[in-house]
Amino acid sequence: MPSQRFAPPTEVPGLAARRIAADIVDGVLHKHRTLDDQLDGPGAHPGLKTLADRDRALMRRLVATILRRLGTLGHVLSRLLDKGIPSDAPRAQSALLIGAAQILWMDVPDHAAVDLSVRLVQSDRRAARYAGLVNAVLRRCAREGQALVEEVAAESLDLPPWLLARWSAHYGEATARDMARALGHDPSLDLTVKSDAAQWASRLHGEVLPTGTVRTLLHGSVTMLPGFAEGQWWVQDAAAALPVRLFGDLKGKSIADLCAAPGGKTAQLALAGAHVTAIDRSPARVARLRENLARLSLQAETVVADAVEWAGPAEGFDGILIDAPCTSTGTIRRHPDVAWLRQESDVAAMTVLQQRLLRKSVSLLKPGGTLVYCTCSLEPEEGEQAIATLLAAEPALRRVRIEASEVSGLSEIITPDGDLRTLPSHLPHADPKLGGLDGFFAARLVKS
């Protein structure tokens, strides 16, 4: 559990949000805990229950900004500190990151950012002696920080070097830097709607993307937005909504969704008229999937099982969807902790599981059936190379090219081999917050 350093009840407004943000950033950077684990569920920070909605939104934005701009923040603070960031007092490090992030990228008065960071340090006995240092450094940041940001704006410091090197090698250096730049912006809220996308875009002050997704910049609790309680839409990145479309007409077809939770693609399959069997190994995640389906008034059979070990029905399925576990590097724009929690060695470990799922899916598929494989990874080993390995081992499978007409004419997301590959820099917009896609790969195969 995150360390708790609760201050007296009469503390300054906004300090609790910053204290919890500091705990959560420390959890990611030093304890290798994901944001999801710290923000929701049984492992969530206990202080979250005490925060008002406004403070909770501030805390989330603080954490996301720090993780999204961590490399640049490190550069700025190293230039402003003669002896580097104190390593013996984690709260001093967190206070500097929180103060600098507010000064450089958030709509918070500089004096408030400095004052609350100093108070954050003063409330921690190990870090209290650094209060004067934090005050001086953040005051300098307010004067000199923007110039220090500008001097490294072209260097893509906010990605781990190993990841930037991989993307440069596979996509080219210019595209890799475009991707890194796109990841620096707060993402929009993407919604898959049951019907009448234009009407929901109007009600939610957003716009309809070429793919039919409704994109809005509304923030706060999604449960309070119009249409949520009525089950008219669900949250799903525009790129994540594309793979299901590759099945074509689904009415009456039997489809197995092998790694189904939290259920966005399951909902798409059910809405399109398929008979869906949704499998996931986590009981808690399947329970969440069932809750989502109930809210949406959609039907699917749910199974708690390891898909690799699951026997399945003897007659097989007309279609298999594998949204495989992966390094998730395509989701960094929405989950900035991924950049700092993943290591290059994780890629090879994930490819082993992905191949097991792919081989299993072949045995579950009827002759003539369609397999759609997708991952939210930008690493070729988990996408293009995974399919090449499978096709070499399974002569009964053949690739069916994806046509631009199947993905709303977005020819730039179709690879030379006919697979789907979206990048964070795709779908640009005059307002960067309304542009971009998660990084996704998808391929369509048919069993002879």
Protein backbone atom coordinates (compact mmCIF):
# COMPACT_ATOMS: atom_id res chain seq x y z
CA MET A 1 0.00 0.00 0.00
CA PRO A 2 1.20 3.57 -0.58
CA SER A 3 2.84 5.24 2.40
CA GLN A 4 0.41 7.54 4.19
CA ARG A 5 1.49 10.85 5.65
CA PHE A 6 -1.78 12.48 6.65
CA ALA A 7 -1.53 16.10 7.75
CA PRO A 8 -3.77 17.79 10.35
CA PRO A 9 -7.44 18.27 9.38
CA THR A 10 -6.99 22.03 8.95
CA GLU A 11 -4.49 21.73 6.10
CA VAL A 12 -4.41 24.12 3.16
CA PRO A 13 -6.90 23.39 0.32
CA GLY A 14 -5.29 21.41 -2.48
CA LEU A 15 -2.53 19.94 -0.33
CA ALA A 16 -4.25 16.55 0.06
CA ALA A 17 -4.53 16.16 -3.73
CA ARG A 18 -0.82 16.90 -4.10
CA ARG A 19 0.13 14.55 -1.28
CA ILE A 20 -1.77 11.68 -2.88
CA ALA A 21 -0.28 12.57 -6.29
CA ALA A 22 3.17 12.36 -4.70
CA ASP A 23 2.39 8.93 -3.23
CA ILE A 24 1.14 7.64 -6.57
CA VAL A 25 4.07 8.99 -8.59
CA ASP A 26 6.39 7.41 -6.03
CA GLY A 27 4.44 4.16 -6.42
CA VAL A 28 5.08 4.13 -10.17
CA LEU A 29 8.70 5.27 -10.20
CA HIS A 30 10.05 3.49 -7.13
CA LYS A 31 7.66 0.62 -6.37
CA HIS A 32 6.72 -0.30 -9.96
CA ARG A 33 2.98 -0.16 -9.29
CA THR A 34 0.65 0.66 -12.17
CA LEU A 35 -1.63 3.68 -12.14
CA ASP A 36 -4.68 1.44 -12.50
CA ASP A 37 -3.74 -0.50 -9.36
CA GLN A 38 -3.26 2.70 -7.37
CA LEU A 39 -6.37 4.52 -8.60
CA ASP A 40 -9.02 1.76 -8.62
CA GLY A 41 -9.86 -1.50 -6.91
CA PRO A 42 -8.62 -3.06 -3.68
CA GLY A 43 -5.11 -1.57 -3.99
CA ALA A 44 -6.29 2.01 -4.53
CA HIS A 45 -4.79 4.77 -2.40
CA PRO A 46 -6.98 5.07 0.73
CA GLY A 47 -6.85 8.85 0.62
CA LEU A 48 -8.80 8.95 -2.64
CA LYS A 49 -12.05 8.42 -0.72
CA THR A 50 -11.58 11.73 1.07
CA LEU A 51 -11.02 13.83 -2.06
CA ALA A 52 -13.73 15.96 -3.62
CA ASP A 53 -14.31 15.42 -7.34
CA ARG A 54 -12.41 18.59 -8.22
CA ASP A 55 -9.37 17.56 -6.16
CA ARG A 56 -9.48 14.03 -7.56
CA ALA A 57 -9.39 15.43 -11.11
CA LEU A 58 -6.47 17.69 -10.16
CA MET A 59 -4.59 14.76 -8.65
CA ARG A 60 -5.07 12.63 -11.76
CA ARG A 61 -3.95 15.44 -14.03
CA LEU A 62 -0.88 16.10 -11.88
CA VAL A 63 0.17 12.45 -11.99
CA ALA A 64 -0.43 12.13 -15.73
CA THR A 65 1.47 15.35 -16.50
CA ILE A 66 4.48 14.27 -14.47
CA LEU A 67 4.66 10.83 -16.08
CA ARG A 68 3.97 12.22 -19.56
CA ARG A 69 6.76 14.83 -19.19
CA LEU A 70 9.14 12.96 -16.93
CA GLY A 71 12.21 13.17 -19.14
CA THR A 72 11.81 16.90 -19.73
CA LEU A 73 11.15 17.48 -16.01
CA GLY A 74 14.35 15.61 -15.20
CA HIS A 75 16.30 17.82 -17.60
CA VAL A 76 14.84 21.06 -16.21
CA LEU A 77 15.41 20.13 -12.57
CA SER A 78 18.94 18.89 -13.22
CA ARG A 79 19.77 22.29 -14.70
CA LEU A 80 18.30 24.09 -11.70
CA LEU A 81 19.92 21.89 -9.03
CA ASP A 82 23.65 22.13 -8.34
CA LYS A 83 23.86 18.70 -6.69
CA GLY A 84 20.98 16.84 -8.31
CA ILE A 85 17.63 15.78 -6.89
CA PRO A 86 17.95 14.61 -3.25
CA SER A 87 18.00 10.81 -3.26
CA ASP A 88 17.54 10.30 0.48
CA ALA A 89 14.10 11.96 0.65
CA PRO A 90 11.61 10.71 -1.97
CA ARG A 91 9.05 13.32 -0.93
CA ALA A 92 11.49 16.11 -1.86
CA GLN A 93 11.84 14.60 -5.32
CA SER A 94 8.06 14.27 -5.67
CA ALA A 95 7.51 17.84 -4.47
CA LEU A 96 9.93 19.18 -7.07
CA LEU A 97 8.25 17.18 -9.85
CA ILE A 98 4.78 18.28 -8.75
CA GLY A 99 5.74 21.95 -8.45
CA ALA A 100 7.62 22.06 -11.76
CA ALA A 101 4.83 20.24 -13.66
CA GLN A 102 2.30 22.82 -12.46
CA ILE A 103 4.53 25.77 -13.30
CA LEU A 104 5.45 24.52 -16.78
CA TRP A 105 2.26 22.86 -18.08
CA MET A 106 -0.72 23.43 -15.82
CA ASP A 107 -3.04 26.34 -15.22
CA VAL A 108 -1.92 26.87 -11.61
CA PRO A 109 -0.50 30.20 -10.36
CA ASP A 110 3.26 29.91 -9.85
CA HIS A 111 3.08 31.13 -6.25
CA ALA A 112 0.51 28.45 -5.38
CA ALA A 113 2.59 25.72 -7.05
CA VAL A 114 5.67 26.77 -5.07
CA ASP A 115 3.88 27.23 -1.74
CA LEU A 116 2.06 23.89 -1.81
CA SER A 117 5.21 22.00 -2.83
CA VAL A 118 7.09 23.56 0.09
CA ARG A 119 4.26 22.57 2.45
CA LEU A 120 4.37 19.05 1.01
CA VAL A 121 8.06 18.79 1.94
CA GLN A 122 7.58 20.38 5.36
CA SER A 123 4.97 17.75 6.27
CA ASP A 124 7.49 14.91 5.81
CA ARG A 125 10.16 14.60 8.51
CA ARG A 126 12.77 13.08 6.19
CA ALA A 127 12.32 15.79 3.58
CA ALA A 128 11.60 18.83 5.78
CA ARG A 129 15.21 20.01 5.71
CA TYR A 130 14.91 20.44 1.93
CA ALA A 131 12.06 22.96 2.16
CA GLY A 132 14.37 25.90 1.42
CA LEU A 133 15.90 24.07 -1.54
CA VAL A 134 12.48 23.22 -3.00
CA ASN A 135 11.37 26.83 -2.59
CA ALA A 136 14.48 28.22 -4.33
CA VAL A 137 14.49 25.70 -7.18
CA LEU A 138 10.81 26.16 -8.00
CA ARG A 139 11.11 29.94 -7.95
CA ARG A 140 13.96 29.61 -10.47
CA CYS A 141 11.77 27.20 -12.47
CA ALA A 142 9.07 29.87 -12.70
CA ARG A 143 11.63 32.30 -14.14
CA GLU A 144 13.81 30.04 -16.28
CA GLY A 145 11.89 26.78 -16.79
CA GLN A 146 10.15 27.50 -20.10
CA ALA A 147 13.46 28.33 -21.79
CA LEU A 148 14.94 25.05 -20.49
CA VAL A 149 11.94 23.14 -21.90
CA GLU A 150 12.34 24.80 -25.29
CA GLU A 151 16.02 23.91 -25.57
CA VAL A 152 15.21 20.17 -25.55
CA ALA A 153 11.80 20.30 -27.29
CA ALA A 154 13.13 18.39 -30.31
CA GLU A 155 14.90 15.64 -28.36
CA SER A 156 11.98 13.34 -27.38
CA LEU A 157 13.22 13.08 -23.79
CA ASP A 158 9.84 11.91 -22.50
CA LEU A 159 10.29 8.37 -23.81
CA PRO A 160 12.76 5.85 -22.37
CA PRO A 161 15.77 5.70 -24.72
CA TRP A 162 15.25 1.99 -25.43
CA LEU A 163 11.70 2.60 -26.63
CA LEU A 164 12.60 5.58 -28.81
CA ALA A 165 15.44 3.54 -30.35
CA ARG A 166 13.06 0.67 -31.18
CA TRP A 167 10.48 2.96 -32.76
CA SER A 168 13.15 4.81 -34.75
CA ALA A 169 14.50 1.51 -36.10
CA HIS A 170 11.07 0.17 -37.13
CA TYR A 171 9.12 3.28 -38.15
CA GLY A 172 11.93 5.69 -39.05
CA GLU A 173 13.33 8.48 -36.92
CA ALA A 174 10.94 11.18 -38.16
CA THR A 175 7.84 9.07 -37.50
CA ALA A 176 9.15 8.02 -34.08
CA ARG A 177 9.56 11.66 -33.10
CA ASP A 178 6.06 12.46 -34.39
CA MET A 179 4.77 9.64 -32.22
CA ALA A 180 6.67 10.92 -29.19
CA ARG A 181 5.30 14.42 -29.77
CA ALA A 182 1.72 13.10 -29.96
CA LEU A 183 2.18 11.32 -26.64
CA GLY A 184 2.91 14.64 -24.95
CA HIS A 185 -0.70 15.79 -25.21
CA ASP A 186 -3.57 14.97 -22.87
CA PRO A 187 -5.77 12.42 -24.70
CA SER A 188 -9.39 12.97 -25.61
CA LEU A 189 -12.28 10.83 -24.37
CA ASP A 190 -13.34 8.37 -27.09
CA LEU A 191 -16.75 6.71 -27.00
CA THR A 192 -18.31 3.92 -29.03
CA VAL A 193 -22.02 4.71 -29.32
CA LYS A 194 -24.83 2.27 -30.00
CA SER A 195 -26.45 4.54 -32.60
CA ASP A 196 -26.78 8.15 -33.81
CA ALA A 197 -23.19 9.23 -33.32
CA ALA A 198 -23.94 12.78 -34.52
CA GLN A 199 -26.58 13.28 -31.84
CA TRP A 200 -24.26 12.04 -29.08
CA ALA A 201 -21.40 14.16 -30.36
CA SER A 202 -23.67 17.19 -30.06
CA ARG A 203 -24.86 16.28 -26.57
CA LEU A 204 -21.32 15.58 -25.36
CA HIS A 205 -19.76 18.65 -27.03
CA GLY A 206 -17.54 16.53 -29.23
CA GLU A 207 -17.20 15.45 -32.84
CA VAL A 208 -17.62 12.28 -34.87
CA LEU A 209 -14.38 10.80 -36.19
CA PRO A 210 -14.26 9.30 -39.69
CA THR A 211 -14.46 5.86 -38.04
CA GLY A 212 -17.73 6.67 -36.25
CA THR A 213 -16.21 7.08 -32.79
CA VAL A 214 -17.42 10.10 -30.80
CA ARG A 215 -14.48 12.12 -29.48
CA THR A 216 -14.86 14.75 -26.77
CA LEU A 217 -12.64 16.77 -24.44
CA LEU A 218 -15.04 16.50 -21.52
CA HIS A 219 -13.29 15.49 -18.30
CA GLY A 220 -14.43 14.27 -14.92
CA SER A 221 -16.35 11.14 -14.00
CA VAL A 222 -17.73 9.43 -17.12
CA THR A 223 -20.54 7.99 -15.01
CA MET A 224 -22.03 11.48 -14.74
CA LEU A 225 -22.13 12.14 -18.49
CA PRO A 226 -25.41 11.95 -20.45
CA GLY A 227 -26.11 8.48 -21.79
CA PHE A 228 -23.85 6.52 -19.44
CA ALA A 229 -26.50 5.27 -17.02
CA GLU A 230 -28.82 4.51 -19.95
CA GLY A 231 -26.14 2.35 -21.59
CA GLN A 232 -25.99 4.36 -24.81
CA TRP A 233 -22.19 4.25 -25.16
CA TRP A 234 -18.96 2.93 -23.66
CA VAL A 235 -15.44 4.30 -23.41
CA GLN A 236 -13.16 2.85 -26.10
CA ASP A 237 -10.26 4.39 -28.00
CA ALA A 238 -11.03 4.88 -31.68
CA ALA A 239 -8.22 2.51 -32.69
CA ALA A 240 -9.44 -0.20 -30.32
CA ALA A 241 -12.85 -0.07 -32.00
CA LEU A 242 -11.46 -1.04 -35.42
CA PRO A 243 -10.53 -4.76 -35.13
CA VAL A 244 -14.11 -6.00 -34.64
CA ARG A 245 -15.06 -4.39 -37.95
CA LEU A 246 -12.72 -6.81 -39.73
CA PHE A 247 -15.18 -9.70 -39.24
CA GLY A 248 -17.71 -8.12 -41.59
CA ASP A 249 -21.34 -9.17 -41.09
CA LEU A 250 -21.62 -10.84 -37.69
CA LYS A 251 -25.35 -11.51 -37.46
CA GLY A 252 -25.97 -14.98 -36.06
CA LYS A 253 -22.29 -15.98 -36.03
CA SER A 254 -20.57 -17.64 -33.07
CA ILE A 255 -17.55 -15.61 -31.93
CA ALA A 256 -15.11 -16.31 -29.09
CA ASP A 257 -13.44 -13.28 -27.52
CA LEU A 258 -10.44 -14.94 -25.89
CA CYS A 259 -9.09 -12.10 -23.72
CA ALA A 260 -12.32 -10.23 -23.30
CA ALA A 261 -12.26 -8.01 -20.19
CA PRO A 262 -13.12 -5.21 -19.67
CA GLY A 263 -15.45 -5.88 -22.59
CA GLY A 264 -15.38 -3.07 -25.14
CA LYS A 265 -14.89 -5.46 -28.05
CA THR A 266 -17.31 -7.98 -26.54
CA ALA A 267 -19.93 -5.22 -26.54
CA GLN A 268 -19.19 -4.41 -30.18
CA LEU A 269 -19.56 -8.07 -31.17
CA ALA A 270 -22.85 -8.43 -29.29
CA LEU A 271 -24.23 -5.17 -30.68
CA ALA A 272 -23.45 -6.43 -34.21
CA GLY A 273 -25.60 -9.52 -33.62
CA ALA A 274 -22.99 -12.17 -32.87
CA HIS A 275 -23.41 -14.98 -30.34
CA VAL A 276 -20.44 -14.11 -28.16
CA THR A 277 -18.49 -16.26 -25.72
CA ALA A 278 -16.24 -13.94 -23.70
CA ILE A 279 -13.31 -15.61 -21.92
CA ASP A 280 -10.93 -14.06 -19.39
CA ARG A 281 -8.80 -15.64 -16.68
CA SER A 282 -9.46 -13.00 -14.01
CA PRO A 283 -12.69 -13.41 -11.99
CA ALA A 284 -12.61 -9.73 -11.00
CA ARG A 285 -12.23 -8.62 -14.62
CA VAL A 286 -15.03 -10.93 -15.77
CA ALA A 287 -17.27 -9.49 -13.04
CA ARG A 288 -16.52 -6.02 -14.41
CA LEU A 289 -17.26 -7.22 -17.95
CA ARG A 290 -20.64 -8.55 -16.81
CA GLU A 291 -21.44 -5.23 -15.14
CA ASN A 292 -20.57 -3.37 -18.35
CA LEU A 293 -22.74 -5.67 -20.46
CA ALA A 294 -25.64 -5.30 -18.03
CA ARG A 295 -25.43 -1.50 -18.20
CA LEU A 296 -25.38 -1.68 -22.00
CA SER A 297 -28.25 -4.23 -22.11
CA LEU A 298 -26.12 -6.56 -24.25
CA GLN A 299 -25.86 -10.34 -24.02
CA ALA A 300 -22.79 -12.60 -24.04
CA GLU A 301 -21.82 -15.87 -22.42
CA THR A 302 -18.96 -15.24 -20.00
CA VAL A 303 -16.34 -17.78 -18.95
CA VAL A 304 -13.64 -17.47 -16.30
CA ALA A 305 -10.76 -19.50 -17.73
CA ASP A 306 -7.24 -19.35 -19.09
CA ALA A 307 -7.94 -19.22 -22.82
CA VAL A 308 -4.86 -21.32 -23.59
CA GLU A 309 -6.19 -24.17 -21.42
CA TRP A 310 -9.89 -23.75 -22.24
CA ALA A 311 -11.43 -26.69 -24.14
CA GLY A 312 -14.20 -24.82 -25.93
CA PRO A 313 -17.16 -26.43 -27.71
CA ALA A 314 -16.53 -29.37 -30.01
CA GLU A 315 -18.14 -27.62 -32.99
CA GLY A 316 -15.75 -24.68 -32.83
CA PHE A 317 -16.47 -21.04 -33.65
CA ASP A 318 -17.18 -19.04 -36.78
CA GLY A 319 -14.75 -16.41 -35.56
CA ILE A 320 -12.09 -15.86 -32.92
CA LEU A 321 -10.98 -12.47 -31.60
CA ILE A 322 -7.68 -12.30 -29.73
CA ASP A 323 -6.94 -8.94 -28.11
CA ALA A 324 -3.76 -10.40 -26.71
CA PRO A 325 -1.93 -9.42 -23.52
CA CYS A 326 1.03 -7.32 -24.60
CA THR A 327 3.50 -4.65 -23.51
CA SER A 328 0.75 -2.04 -24.17
CA THR A 329 3.22 0.49 -25.56
CA GLY A 330 0.48 1.73 -27.89
CA THR A 331 -1.53 2.99 -24.91
CA ILE A 332 1.08 5.35 -23.42
CA ARG A 333 -1.00 8.40 -24.38
CA ARG A 334 -3.72 7.17 -22.00
CA HIS A 335 -1.50 5.22 -19.58
CA PRO A 336 1.75 7.21 -19.29
CA ASP A 337 3.03 4.90 -16.54
CA VAL A 338 3.53 2.18 -19.17
CA ALA A 339 6.56 4.00 -20.58
CA TRP A 340 8.36 3.82 -17.23
CA LEU A 341 7.15 0.42 -16.02
CA ARG A 342 7.98 -1.63 -19.12
CA GLN A 343 11.44 -2.90 -20.01
CA GLU A 344 12.73 -4.08 -23.36
CA SER A 345 12.98 -7.66 -22.03
CA ASP A 346 9.19 -7.69 -21.57
CA VAL A 347 8.69 -7.87 -25.33
CA ALA A 348 10.15 -11.36 -25.71
CA ALA A 349 8.19 -12.67 -22.72
CA MET A 350 4.92 -11.42 -24.19
CA THR A 351 5.53 -12.95 -27.62
CA VAL A 352 5.65 -16.44 -26.07
CA LEU A 353 2.15 -16.03 -24.60
CA GLN A 354 0.85 -14.46 -27.82
CA GLN A 355 2.00 -17.45 -29.88
CA ARG A 356 0.32 -19.85 -27.44
CA LEU A 357 -2.95 -17.93 -27.79
CA LEU A 358 -2.67 -17.87 -31.57
CA ARG A 359 -2.00 -21.62 -31.82
CA LYS A 360 -4.91 -22.31 -29.46
CA SER A 361 -7.25 -20.16 -31.54
CA VAL A 362 -6.58 -22.27 -34.64
CA SER A 363 -7.90 -25.36 -32.84
CA LEU A 364 -11.07 -23.47 -31.78
CA LEU A 365 -11.83 -22.16 -35.27
CA LYS A 366 -14.17 -23.87 -37.73
CA PRO A 367 -12.93 -24.45 -41.29
CA GLY A 368 -13.66 -21.24 -43.18
CA GLY A 369 -13.72 -19.30 -39.91
CA THR A 370 -12.04 -15.94 -39.37
CA LEU A 371 -9.35 -15.13 -36.81
CA VAL A 372 -8.73 -11.49 -35.92
CA TYR A 373 -5.61 -10.93 -33.85
CA CYS A 374 -4.82 -7.56 -32.33
CA THR A 375 -2.57 -5.96 -29.74
CA CYS A 376 -2.25 -2.46 -28.31
CA SER A 377 1.52 -2.66 -28.78
CA LEU A 378 3.74 -0.72 -31.16
CA GLU A 379 6.43 -3.41 -31.07
CA PRO A 380 6.70 -5.40 -34.34
CA GLU A 381 7.44 -8.65 -32.49
CA GLU A 382 3.93 -8.48 -31.00
CA GLY A 383 2.26 -7.61 -34.29
CA GLU A 384 3.73 -8.11 -37.76
CA GLN A 385 6.29 -10.69 -36.64
CA ALA A 386 3.77 -12.62 -34.54
CA ILE A 387 1.58 -13.13 -37.60
CA ALA A 388 4.53 -14.08 -39.81
CA THR A 389 5.57 -16.72 -37.26
CA LEU A 390 2.03 -18.13 -37.08
CA LEU A 391 1.56 -18.29 -40.86
CA ALA A 392 4.87 -20.14 -41.23
CA ALA A 393 3.76 -22.74 -38.68
CA GLU A 394 0.09 -23.10 -39.71
CA PRO A 395 -0.38 -23.84 -43.43
CA ALA A 396 -4.16 -24.01 -42.94
CA LEU A 397 -4.25 -20.23 -42.34
CA ARG A 398 -4.08 -17.46 -44.91
CA ARG A 399 -4.08 -13.71 -44.49
CA VAL A 400 -7.03 -11.74 -45.86
CA ARG A 401 -5.96 -8.20 -46.66
CA ILE A 402 -7.73 -5.35 -44.93
CA GLU A 403 -9.06 -2.79 -47.40
CA ALA A 404 -9.14 0.94 -46.67
CA SER A 405 -12.91 0.89 -47.27
CA GLU A 406 -13.29 -1.34 -44.20
CA VAL A 407 -11.66 1.27 -41.96
CA SER A 408 -13.44 4.41 -43.20
CA GLY A 409 -10.95 5.06 -45.98
CA LEU A 410 -7.94 5.52 -43.68
CA SER A 411 -5.41 4.04 -46.10
CA GLU A 412 -2.48 5.30 -44.00
CA ILE A 413 -3.27 2.74 -41.30
CA ILE A 414 -2.99 -0.24 -43.72
CA THR A 415 0.44 -1.89 -43.94
CA PRO A 416 1.96 -3.18 -47.21
CA ASP A 417 1.02 -6.72 -46.10
CA GLY A 418 -2.61 -5.70 -45.65
CA ASP A 419 -2.68 -5.56 -41.86
CA LEU A 420 -3.86 -2.67 -39.69
CA ARG A 421 -1.30 -0.51 -37.87
CA THR A 422 -2.35 2.70 -36.09
CA LEU A 423 0.15 5.14 -34.57
CA PRO A 424 -0.23 7.85 -31.93
CA SER A 425 0.53 10.42 -34.63
CA HIS A 426 -2.30 9.27 -36.92
CA LEU A 427 -5.54 11.22 -37.34
CA PRO A 428 -3.96 14.67 -36.77
CA HIS A 429 -6.16 17.60 -35.75
CA ALA A 430 -5.74 21.37 -35.50
CA ASP A 431 -6.23 20.92 -31.75
CA PRO A 432 -3.64 18.28 -30.76
CA LYS A 433 -5.87 17.09 -27.93
CA LEU A 434 -8.47 16.06 -30.51
CA GLY A 435 -5.96 14.19 -32.66
CA GLY A 436 -4.12 10.90 -32.36
CA LEU A 437 -4.94 7.23 -31.90
CA ASP A 438 -3.70 4.51 -29.61
CA GLY A 439 -1.07 2.34 -31.24
CA PHE A 440 -2.81 -0.82 -32.47
CA PHE A 441 -1.98 -3.75 -34.71
CA ALA A 442 -4.59 -6.09 -36.20
CA ALA A 443 -4.47 -8.87 -38.77
CA ARG A 444 -7.24 -11.01 -40.29
CA LEU A 445 -6.66 -14.67 -41.06
CA VAL A 446 -8.99 -17.35 -42.46
CA LYS A 447 -8.74 -21.09 -41.84
CA SER A 448 -9.03 -23.20 -44.98
